Amino acid sequence: MKRKAIAIALLLLGVLTVSAQEERVRNKSVYLEVFGPSNYVGVNYDVRFSKNSKWGYRVGFGFGYSSSSDPLGNASTRAYSVPLGLNYFVGNNKHNLELGLGVNVGHYNEHDYILEGIYGKDAAGNPELLGVKSVPTKDNKFGMFAFGTVGYRYTAKKGFQFRIGVTPARIIAADNIYDRKLVIMPYISFGKAF
């Protein structure tokens, strides 16, 4: 009788341990994000403030690149940025509406061309514009935008994570980097929760 009771207790303990492992709360994640708060592409770390908290934060590194070509030459901008934000989940551990606010601080390296005059002297010795030439320029600028996130976050039992949504953003400091003050960008990300 004693052996049966011990065997049943061990069996119950094993079942409870397995079911507890299956329902594990994954409160940290690392994900690759395209567009949204990361500019063009970024890697982010996201964590809840406590094990079962709906509140959390994200910190990441984003990179962006754009280029254009015109008769003067090829121009390009490289963006290196850090998105920082707070977020809140509405839902369960697997399916969540994700709401967030944050700021993206960035360094923008611009390569462009400007026209510069070529001067000489005429027959009387007076300065004369002979033509123009295209001169490459480099400039480093600071940029910052505030953003919100409204999206769907799916986290599978084994940790696969998928996020999709929109990011409304408002330019705070730009040094003439952005054409518009308000933008709405979509985002999508894939990652691992643990």
Protein backbone atom coordinates (compact mmCIF):
# COMPACT_ATOMS: atom_id res chain seq x y z
CA MET A 1 0.00 0.00 0.00
CA LYS A 2 2.83 2.33 0.90
CA ARG A 3 4.57 1.64 -2.40
CA LYS A 4 1.39 2.38 -4.38
CA ALA A 5 0.95 5.72 -2.57
CA ILE A 6 4.57 6.69 -3.29
CA ALA A 7 4.20 5.64 -6.95
CA ILE A 8 0.99 7.66 -7.35
CA ALA A 9 2.61 10.70 -5.66
CA LEU A 10 5.63 10.49 -8.00
CA LEU A 11 3.36 10.10 -11.02
CA LEU A 12 1.31 13.17 -10.02
CA LEU A 13 4.48 15.16 -9.38
CA GLY A 14 5.74 14.24 -12.86
CA VAL A 15 2.44 15.22 -14.53
CA LEU A 16 2.32 18.53 -12.68
CA THR A 17 5.94 19.28 -13.61
CA VAL A 18 5.29 18.57 -17.31
CA SER A 19 2.13 20.71 -17.41
CA ALA A 20 3.93 23.53 -15.57
CA GLN A 21 6.71 23.43 -18.17
CA GLU A 22 4.20 23.57 -21.05
CA GLU A 23 2.53 26.69 -19.63
CA ARG A 24 5.80 28.49 -18.97
CA VAL A 25 5.57 32.26 -19.13
CA ARG A 26 8.11 33.66 -21.59
CA ASN A 27 8.77 37.20 -20.40
CA LYS A 28 11.86 38.04 -22.50
CA SER A 29 12.39 38.05 -26.24
CA VAL A 30 14.86 38.96 -28.96
CA TYR A 31 13.54 39.79 -32.41
CA LEU A 32 14.49 41.11 -35.84
CA GLU A 33 12.22 44.00 -36.81
CA VAL A 34 11.70 45.40 -40.31
CA PHE A 35 10.55 49.05 -40.53
CA GLY A 36 8.63 50.58 -37.61
CA PRO A 37 10.57 51.98 -34.65
CA SER A 38 13.85 50.43 -35.91
CA ASN A 39 13.89 52.64 -39.06
CA TYR A 40 14.56 50.02 -41.75
CA VAL A 41 15.84 46.95 -39.92
CA GLY A 42 16.79 46.35 -36.29
CA VAL A 43 17.48 43.87 -33.54
CA ASN A 44 15.59 44.38 -30.28
CA TYR A 45 15.50 42.97 -26.77
CA ASP A 46 12.11 43.05 -25.03
CA VAL A 47 11.38 42.14 -21.39
CA ARG A 48 8.48 42.34 -18.94
CA PHE A 49 9.05 44.28 -15.70
CA SER A 50 8.19 41.16 -13.70
CA LYS A 51 7.37 37.54 -14.56
CA ASN A 52 3.60 38.00 -15.08
CA SER A 53 3.56 41.74 -15.81
CA LYS A 54 1.69 43.12 -18.81
CA TRP A 55 4.12 46.09 -18.77
CA GLY A 56 7.56 45.87 -20.33
CA TYR A 57 10.24 47.71 -22.25
CA ARG A 58 12.30 47.33 -25.39
CA VAL A 59 15.77 48.45 -26.35
CA GLY A 60 17.42 47.84 -29.69
CA PHE A 61 19.74 48.83 -32.48
CA GLY A 62 18.40 49.93 -35.86
CA PHE A 63 20.03 50.51 -39.22
CA GLY A 64 18.70 52.28 -42.27
CA TYR A 65 20.05 53.09 -45.72
CA SER A 66 18.70 55.14 -48.59
CA SER A 67 20.24 56.31 -51.84
CA SER A 68 19.37 58.42 -54.83
CA SER A 69 20.99 59.29 -58.12
CA ASP A 70 20.83 62.50 -60.14
CA PRO A 71 23.04 64.27 -62.71
CA LEU A 72 25.32 65.53 -59.93
CA GLY A 73 26.11 62.03 -58.61
CA ASN A 74 24.91 59.40 -56.16
CA ALA A 75 23.71 60.51 -52.73
CA SER A 76 23.17 58.22 -49.74
CA THR A 77 22.21 58.30 -46.07
CA ARG A 78 23.10 55.71 -43.44
CA ALA A 79 21.13 55.74 -40.19
CA TYR A 80 22.33 54.16 -36.93
CA SER A 81 19.66 54.38 -34.24
CA VAL A 82 18.56 53.15 -30.83
CA PRO A 83 14.81 52.59 -30.34
CA LEU A 84 13.75 52.70 -26.66
CA GLY A 85 10.17 52.10 -25.59
CA LEU A 86 7.58 50.98 -23.07
CA ASN A 87 4.83 48.56 -24.02
CA TYR A 88 1.69 47.01 -22.61
CA PHE A 89 -0.03 43.74 -23.55
CA VAL A 90 -3.76 43.16 -23.77
CA GLY A 91 -4.46 39.44 -24.02
CA ASN A 92 -2.99 36.16 -22.87
CA ASN A 93 0.50 34.69 -23.06
CA LYS A 94 0.06 33.53 -26.66
CA HIS A 95 -2.01 36.23 -28.46
CA ASN A 96 -1.64 39.88 -27.47
CA LEU A 97 -2.57 43.34 -28.62
CA GLU A 98 0.66 45.28 -28.11
CA LEU A 99 0.47 49.01 -27.33
CA GLY A 100 3.63 51.04 -26.88
CA LEU A 101 5.31 54.45 -26.71
CA GLY A 102 8.95 55.29 -27.18
CA VAL A 103 11.69 57.32 -28.76
CA ASN A 104 14.26 56.53 -31.45
CA VAL A 105 17.58 58.39 -31.18
CA GLY A 106 19.85 58.24 -34.21
CA HIS A 107 23.03 59.29 -35.96
CA TYR A 108 22.62 59.96 -39.70
CA ASN A 109 25.64 59.92 -42.01
CA GLU A 110 24.84 61.73 -45.28
CA HIS A 111 26.89 61.63 -48.48
CA ASP A 112 25.74 64.14 -51.09
CA TYR A 113 26.95 66.45 -53.87
CA ILE A 114 26.81 70.22 -54.22
CA LEU A 115 27.57 72.51 -57.15
CA GLU A 116 30.65 74.68 -56.83
CA GLY A 117 31.65 77.43 -59.25
CA ILE A 118 34.83 77.30 -61.33
CA TYR A 119 36.27 80.79 -61.66
CA GLY A 120 38.90 82.28 -63.91
CA LYS A 121 39.79 85.67 -65.30
CA ASP A 122 38.64 87.24 -68.51
CA ALA A 123 40.91 89.08 -70.96
CA ALA A 124 40.70 92.25 -68.82
CA GLY A 125 41.71 90.32 -65.65
CA ASN A 126 38.25 90.42 -64.04
CA PRO A 127 36.86 87.31 -62.24
CA GLU A 128 34.67 85.25 -64.50
CA LEU A 129 32.52 82.17 -63.90
CA LEU A 130 33.79 79.52 -66.27
CA GLY A 131 31.48 76.72 -65.18
CA VAL A 132 30.36 74.56 -62.28
CA LYS A 133 31.53 71.27 -60.90
CA SER A 134 29.97 68.67 -58.65
CA VAL A 135 31.74 68.35 -55.28
CA PRO A 136 31.10 65.46 -52.86
CA THR A 137 30.12 66.37 -49.28
CA LYS A 138 29.77 64.37 -46.06
CA ASP A 139 27.69 65.41 -43.09
CA ASN A 140 26.82 63.77 -39.77
CA LYS A 141 23.46 64.68 -38.27
CA PHE A 142 21.44 63.89 -35.16
CA GLY A 143 17.80 62.81 -35.41
CA MET A 144 15.11 61.76 -32.97
CA PHE A 145 11.47 60.75 -33.30
CA ALA A 146 8.79 59.76 -30.81
CA PHE A 147 6.77 56.70 -31.80
CA GLY A 148 3.81 54.62 -30.82
CA THR A 149 3.14 50.97 -31.63
CA VAL A 150 -0.20 49.30 -32.17
CA GLY A 151 0.05 45.70 -33.22
CA TYR A 152 -0.47 42.00 -32.78
CA ARG A 153 2.09 39.79 -30.99
CA TYR A 154 1.98 36.00 -31.21
CA THR A 155 4.23 33.88 -28.98
CA ALA A 156 4.19 30.11 -29.51
CA LYS A 157 4.63 27.60 -26.66
CA LYS A 158 8.15 26.77 -27.88
CA GLY A 159 9.11 30.45 -28.08
CA PHE A 160 8.68 31.46 -31.72
CA GLN A 161 7.48 35.06 -31.81
CA PHE A 162 5.77 37.04 -34.58
CA ARG A 163 4.78 40.71 -34.43
CA ILE A 164 2.96 42.89 -36.96
CA GLY A 165 1.45 46.36 -36.68
CA VAL A 166 1.79 50.08 -37.36
CA THR A 167 4.00 52.77 -35.90
CA PRO A 168 2.78 56.37 -35.90
CA ALA A 169 5.83 58.63 -35.44
CA ARG A 170 6.42 62.34 -34.79
CA ILE A 171 9.78 63.95 -35.58
CA ILE A 172 11.28 65.68 -32.51
CA ALA A 173 14.76 66.69 -33.71
CA ALA A 174 15.78 66.29 -37.31
CA ASP A 175 18.61 68.58 -38.55
CA ASN A 176 16.84 68.57 -41.96
CA ILE A 177 16.93 64.77 -42.27
CA TYR A 178 13.23 64.02 -42.73
CA ASP A 179 10.85 65.49 -45.29
CA ARG A 180 7.73 65.11 -43.10
CA LYS A 181 7.01 65.70 -39.41
CA LEU A 182 4.39 62.92 -39.05
CA VAL A 183 4.61 59.44 -40.55
CA ILE A 184 2.85 56.10 -40.15
CA MET A 185 5.06 53.07 -40.82
CA PRO A 186 4.15 49.39 -40.80
CA TYR A 187 6.37 46.89 -39.01
CA ILE A 188 6.87 43.15 -38.91
CA SER A 189 9.20 41.10 -36.75
CA PHE A 190 10.26 37.54 -36.08
CA GLY A 191 12.06 36.36 -32.98
CA LYS A 192 12.48 34.06 -30.03
CA ALA A 193 10.83 34.39 -26.62
CA PHE A 194 12.43 32.79 -23.58
